[in-house]
Amino acid sequence: MAIVAALNNCFHAPMVVASPEDDDIVRRMNQLLSKSNILQERLIQDNLQRHNVWQFINIDNLFELFPVLSLDDIRSITLGVYQLKRARIYAEEHSDCTELTDPDVDFPIEACTEYGAEDIIRLRFRSTHKSCTYLTYIRFDSTQVITWYCTYIPGPRTVRCCSHIAVAMWFLCYELYQRLQTDNHHQLIPQTSSIQTIFQI
């Protein structure tokens, strides 16, 4: 086996090629490594994990509020491609639908009703391995995803993110807007949308 590996290394092109962004990624990971999850701390401090401060919302109300990100933007958060490769599968399971750009797709989302926390949403993801549900929280503004937290075991980490957070960002920041390019749905959305209108169902 060692001989085969040596021959492969000698005569074949490398399977992984370094990119100019690698150094930036390493620097970013080192910066985040020592930081705590500020959204997790806020949820605990302000007692925002109780269920009576969350309300299901119409996903259309997020169009003008949630940021639009490219796949590269999302990869800069996931710091890898594994989570994005599974994003569509998780999204289809969450919505019980394979046509994710369908205007009638049901992608359950909850928004926080507590004053001062209207910029936080919550999603519930069923575990693919056992009978439990993980709660995924995202704080955002119209230009960026600010912080995230998930009750899945690796969910509190600040370097990279778990698959549940990745699928939420992929669907809400990227896939959802593919619908806009096909049906001009954005023309139906008031330009005066604000965080305060998020609970209009």
Protein backbone atom coordinates (compact mmCIF):
# COMPACT_ATOMS: atom_id res chain seq x y z
CA MET A 1 0.00 0.00 0.00
CA ALA A 2 2.85 2.37 0.83
CA ILE A 3 4.37 1.74 -2.61
CA VAL A 4 1.05 2.44 -4.35
CA ALA A 5 0.66 5.67 -2.39
CA ALA A 6 4.21 6.73 -3.25
CA LEU A 7 3.67 6.05 -6.97
CA ASN A 8 0.38 7.94 -6.88
CA ASN A 9 2.02 10.93 -5.22
CA CYS A 10 4.86 10.86 -7.70
CA PHE A 11 3.03 10.51 -11.00
CA HIS A 12 -0.50 11.79 -10.44
CA ALA A 13 -1.74 15.32 -10.01
CA PRO A 14 -2.61 16.21 -6.40
CA MET A 15 -6.23 15.58 -5.44
CA VAL A 16 -6.37 18.81 -3.47
CA VAL A 17 -4.77 21.99 -4.77
CA ALA A 18 -4.08 24.94 -2.51
CA SER A 19 -6.06 28.08 -3.31
CA PRO A 20 -5.19 31.74 -2.71
CA GLU A 21 -7.98 31.90 -0.12
CA ASP A 22 -6.48 29.19 2.11
CA ASP A 23 -4.39 31.61 4.18
CA ASP A 24 -7.39 33.87 4.72
CA ILE A 25 -9.48 30.89 5.84
CA VAL A 26 -6.82 29.80 8.32
CA ARG A 27 -6.56 33.31 9.73
CA ARG A 28 -10.33 33.53 10.08
CA MET A 29 -10.52 30.15 11.81
CA ASN A 30 -7.83 31.18 14.29
CA GLN A 31 -9.68 34.41 15.04
CA LEU A 32 -12.96 32.61 15.66
CA LEU A 33 -11.45 29.74 17.63
CA SER A 34 -11.24 31.65 20.90
CA LYS A 35 -14.61 33.37 20.58
CA SER A 36 -17.73 32.19 22.39
CA ASN A 37 -21.10 31.84 20.70
CA ILE A 38 -22.72 35.18 21.47
CA LEU A 39 -26.13 34.14 20.17
CA GLN A 40 -26.20 31.12 22.47
CA GLU A 41 -25.25 33.39 25.38
CA ARG A 42 -27.99 35.86 24.47
CA LEU A 43 -30.64 33.15 24.21
CA ILE A 44 -29.74 31.97 27.71
CA GLN A 45 -29.33 35.43 29.24
CA ASP A 46 -32.61 36.79 27.86
CA ASN A 47 -34.47 33.49 28.33
CA LEU A 48 -35.34 33.33 24.63
CA GLN A 49 -35.35 29.54 24.44
CA ARG A 50 -38.83 29.26 25.93
CA HIS A 51 -41.41 28.29 23.34
CA ASN A 52 -43.98 31.00 24.10
CA VAL A 53 -41.82 33.76 22.57
CA TRP A 54 -41.72 32.12 19.14
CA GLN A 55 -44.33 32.37 16.41
CA PHE A 56 -44.52 30.69 13.02
CA ILE A 57 -44.35 33.21 10.18
CA ASN A 58 -45.07 33.39 6.49
CA ILE A 59 -41.80 32.84 4.67
CA ASP A 60 -42.67 35.56 2.15
CA ASN A 61 -42.21 38.12 4.93
CA LEU A 62 -38.50 37.33 4.96
CA PHE A 63 -37.86 38.28 1.34
CA GLU A 64 -37.08 41.92 2.05
CA LEU A 65 -35.48 41.24 5.41
CA PHE A 66 -33.11 38.33 4.92
CA PRO A 67 -29.76 38.88 3.14
CA VAL A 68 -29.02 37.48 -0.30
CA LEU A 69 -25.75 35.52 -0.28
CA SER A 70 -23.78 33.74 -2.96
CA LEU A 71 -22.56 30.18 -2.53
CA ASP A 72 -19.07 31.58 -1.97
CA ASP A 73 -20.45 33.77 0.83
CA ILE A 74 -22.01 30.74 2.49
CA ARG A 75 -18.83 28.69 2.01
CA SER A 76 -16.93 31.42 3.86
CA ILE A 77 -19.15 30.59 6.85
CA THR A 78 -19.23 26.80 6.52
CA LEU A 79 -15.48 26.80 5.69
CA GLY A 80 -16.03 23.73 3.57
CA VAL A 81 -18.38 22.09 1.09
CA TYR A 82 -19.71 19.08 3.02
CA GLN A 83 -22.60 20.96 4.62
CA LEU A 84 -23.58 22.57 1.32
CA LYS A 85 -23.57 19.20 -0.44
CA ARG A 86 -26.19 18.02 2.04
CA ALA A 87 -28.13 21.28 2.09
CA ARG A 88 -30.71 20.36 -0.55
CA ILE A 89 -31.42 16.99 1.07
CA TYR A 90 -31.99 18.59 4.48
CA ALA A 91 -34.13 21.34 2.95
CA GLU A 92 -36.30 18.80 1.14
CA GLU A 93 -36.76 16.85 4.38
CA HIS A 94 -37.61 20.02 6.31
CA SER A 95 -40.20 21.13 3.76
CA ASP A 96 -41.42 17.66 2.73
CA CYS A 97 -41.00 18.87 -0.84
CA THR A 98 -38.45 18.35 -3.62
CA GLU A 99 -39.49 21.47 -5.58
CA LEU A 100 -37.85 24.06 -3.37
CA THR A 101 -38.51 26.96 -5.75
CA ASP A 102 -42.24 26.21 -5.75
CA PRO A 103 -44.04 29.36 -4.49
CA ASP A 104 -46.16 27.15 -2.24
CA VAL A 105 -43.25 25.31 -0.61
CA ASP A 106 -43.74 25.01 3.15
CA PHE A 107 -40.47 25.72 4.95
CA PRO A 108 -41.47 26.18 8.63
CA ILE A 109 -39.80 29.17 10.28
CA GLU A 110 -40.42 30.83 13.62
CA ALA A 111 -39.61 34.43 14.56
CA CYS A 112 -38.98 35.73 18.06
CA THR A 113 -41.78 37.92 19.41
CA GLU A 114 -39.72 39.34 22.27
CA TYR A 115 -39.02 43.07 21.97
CA GLY A 116 -35.51 43.71 20.68
CA ALA A 117 -35.09 40.17 19.37
CA GLU A 118 -37.19 40.41 16.21
CA ASP A 119 -34.06 39.86 14.13
CA ILE A 120 -33.74 36.25 15.30
CA ILE A 121 -35.45 33.31 13.61
CA ARG A 122 -35.71 29.67 14.62
CA LEU A 123 -36.06 26.48 12.60
CA ARG A 124 -36.73 22.94 13.79
CA PHE A 125 -34.82 20.13 12.10
CA ARG A 126 -35.58 16.47 12.67
CA SER A 127 -32.56 14.32 13.36
CA THR A 128 -31.72 11.89 10.58
CA HIS A 129 -30.28 9.41 13.07
CA LYS A 130 -32.58 9.44 16.10
CA SER A 131 -36.02 10.60 17.16
CA CYS A 132 -35.26 14.13 18.29
CA THR A 133 -35.51 17.67 16.98
CA TYR A 134 -32.74 20.25 16.89
CA LEU A 135 -33.46 23.96 17.18
CA THR A 136 -31.47 26.22 14.88
CA TYR A 137 -31.28 29.96 15.58
CA ILE A 138 -30.03 32.67 13.21
CA ARG A 139 -29.63 36.39 13.87
CA PHE A 140 -29.50 38.52 10.74
CA ASP A 141 -29.96 41.88 9.11
CA SER A 142 -30.62 42.79 5.48
CA THR A 143 -26.96 42.46 4.49
CA GLN A 144 -25.53 39.56 6.47
CA VAL A 145 -26.02 36.59 8.75
CA ILE A 146 -24.65 37.94 12.02
CA THR A 147 -24.57 34.96 14.38
CA TRP A 148 -25.96 31.43 14.58
CA TYR A 149 -26.53 28.66 17.10
CA CYS A 150 -27.96 25.14 17.02
CA THR A 151 -28.86 22.73 19.81
CA TYR A 152 -27.15 19.93 17.87
CA ILE A 153 -23.96 18.81 19.69
CA PRO A 154 -21.50 20.80 17.50
CA GLY A 155 -24.04 23.61 17.07
CA PRO A 156 -22.45 26.15 19.46
CA ARG A 157 -19.12 26.21 17.62
CA THR A 158 -18.03 29.48 16.04
CA VAL A 159 -15.56 27.95 13.58
CA ARG A 160 -17.64 26.58 10.69
CA CYS A 161 -21.23 25.57 11.45
CA CYS A 162 -23.32 22.42 11.61
CA SER A 163 -25.38 21.14 8.67
CA HIS A 164 -28.64 22.46 10.13
CA ILE A 165 -27.36 26.03 10.18
CA ALA A 166 -25.86 25.58 6.72
CA VAL A 167 -29.13 24.40 5.18
CA ALA A 168 -31.05 27.27 6.78
CA MET A 169 -28.63 29.80 5.33
CA TRP A 170 -28.47 28.01 1.96
CA PHE A 171 -32.25 27.99 1.57
CA LEU A 172 -33.06 31.44 2.98
CA CYS A 173 -30.06 33.35 1.60
CA TYR A 174 -29.65 31.57 -1.73
CA GLU A 175 -32.19 29.00 -2.91
CA LEU A 176 -35.22 31.06 -1.95
CA TYR A 177 -34.08 33.86 -4.23
CA GLN A 178 -33.78 31.54 -7.21
CA ARG A 179 -37.57 31.71 -7.20
CA LEU A 180 -37.39 35.45 -7.68
CA GLN A 181 -35.42 35.01 -10.87
CA THR A 182 -38.06 32.71 -12.34
CA ASP A 183 -41.39 34.21 -11.36
CA ASN A 184 -40.63 37.86 -10.54
CA HIS A 185 -42.05 37.23 -7.08
CA HIS A 186 -40.14 40.22 -5.74
CA GLN A 187 -42.56 42.53 -7.53
CA LEU A 188 -45.24 41.43 -5.11
CA ILE A 189 -43.26 42.40 -2.02
CA PRO A 190 -43.74 45.87 -0.51
CA GLN A 191 -40.57 47.94 -0.53
CA THR A 192 -41.41 49.22 2.96
CA SER A 193 -40.87 45.88 4.68
CA SER A 194 -39.21 46.02 8.08
CA ILE A 195 -38.45 43.76 11.00
CA GLN A 196 -41.69 44.88 12.64
CA THR A 197 -43.80 43.47 9.76
CA ILE A 198 -42.36 40.00 10.05
CA PHE A 199 -45.32 38.71 12.08
CA GLN A 200 -47.94 39.57 9.47
CA ILE A 201 -49.28 36.18 8.44
